[in-house]
Amino acid sequence: MAVRVARNSGLLLFSRFGALVGRLALVRLAAPYLGPSGFGLYALLFAMTDVAVTLATFGLGVILVRESLRDEKEAPAHLGAFMAVRAALCLALAVPVLLAVQVTHPAPELAWAIRIMVFHGIGQVLLNQANTIFLAYERLSYQCAVTLANIALTVLLTLGAVRMDLGLLGVLGAATLGSWLVIPAGLLISFSRFMWPSWRPSLWRFHVAQGIPVTASNLLSRAYSRVDIFVLGGLRGKADVGIFNGAYGAVQVLMELPEMILRGALPVAVRLSHRSADGLALAYQKMLKLMLALGLPVGVFLALAGDRVLPLLLGPGFGESALALRLLTPMIVLTFPNRLFWYVLLCANRQTLAAAITGIATALNLALDLALVPHFGVVGACVGTSLAEASLFVMGLFFVTKHVGDGRPLTAVAKPAVAALVMGLVMLVVRAHTNSLWVLAPGAMVSYWVASRWLRIFTRAEIAQIRRLSAEAPAEAPIARTPVPD
């Protein structure tokens, strides 16, 4: 299990890193070419398209993976329902937008920009469909190839549009064409090599009912991450927003790590929950320890070296963000287990509960910000966010323990906490002699690794237990490949 999770997560992280590099290249190409005004419209169109894609995908990707792995015979029917619901949502979102453009008669360039982005959004939904099938089969090398091909083509086409001076429409068209050139290959591989859909309308309502709480949870998570910015902007001003966002931006980048690891573990966890009553509970125990073993050293490092990291990433003007980053340390640490709780509740078919606790934490974050920000500014926003994340941890731990099993949190946190403490002490000694990040970072990594090895965060008995668990979840996905019709 550990090898498969590491392989899956590694491929996801590699593809996400490639996509991040590609997006940075796109910004570097588009921003100077379009100028502040044009780039602002470019960013706004992509932000709105991202929200529309979130609504159109409807949280059905994880539902398809879960249901397909639970019953191999029903997998093609679930894929058909998945495609039908998404097609209906794409039409429901795209048609009103296109009609509004036709009726309101905006400026010609804006009208064509909106039309192009509609097709870009549909392309992203189709790519997501292929990648979902690859995830279900744990063939993430295909997903990695599709993602990297998409971003590489987009960068090359954007470079061509800039060189040929095609303007905003050319840059948007390059992004859209980059997706649509990859879509046929992704869909052809997913259908011909893995699974062809079958149509059973009775399952469509099931997927809508299952997708609503997942979509609600995703939207609430987006709102949760933006509450502080809106409150700071409204009550304190742009300067405080900049200071907070300097620290929170680093946190958002780090959130990719637990997300990719847990997405890589999702197929394995679903199979274990289906094959053994205790399989999911045991996998949850080990993953909780792993999440804490990753989150604690990251939090300690940023708390003690954030004042060196942020200027390197953002420039000298963000020195005040270092205090904000220290105050966000509890949130950084708790983000790792909190994402685990979300995925475990999903595997246990408790996605409505996951959405509910996310909503409660979002409301608490808003209430705390409204109470603290007027008096304490950025400090109040950071404290409110960390307290809201702590509430999410408490609720997640309670309900996962109730519905899945005891993760033994005290046992899980003990050894990683001692190893992180040793790392923190080493960093304090090093900082007494030098503030060089090139000395601090290697010293922190080596000290944590040595302490972890000495403490044996995962004992031999646990490793043997994981190996036995892996034998219950075959490496190949149990979905029966259906014949492709002539």
Foldseek 3Di string as FASTA:
>chain_A
DVVLLVVQLVLVVVLVVLLVVLVVLLCVLPDVLQDPVLVVVVVVLVVVLVLLLLVLQLQLLLVLLLVCLLDQVCNQQSLQLSVVSSVVSLCVPLVVQLVCCVPVVDPPVVSLLNVLSSLLSVLVSLLSSLCSLCLSFSVSVLVSVLSNQLSVQLSVQLVVCSVVVVHSSSNSNSNSVSSVVSNVVSVCCSPAVFAHHDHDVVCNVVSNVLSNLSSLLVVLVVLLLCLLLVLLCVQPRDVLSVLLCLQSVVLVVLLSSLVSSVSSCLNLLSLQVSQDLQLNVLVLLVQLLVLLLVQLLVLLLLLLQVLVPSCVVPNPVNNSSSVLNNLLSLVSNLSNVLVVLCSSCVSLVNSNLSSVLSNVLSVQLNVQCVVQCNPPNSSSNSNSSSVSSVSSSVSSQVVCCVRRRHSVNVLSNVQSNVLSVQLSVQLVVVVVPDSDPVVSVVSSVVSSVVSCVVSVSPDPVNVVVVVVSCVSRDSGRPRDYDHDDD
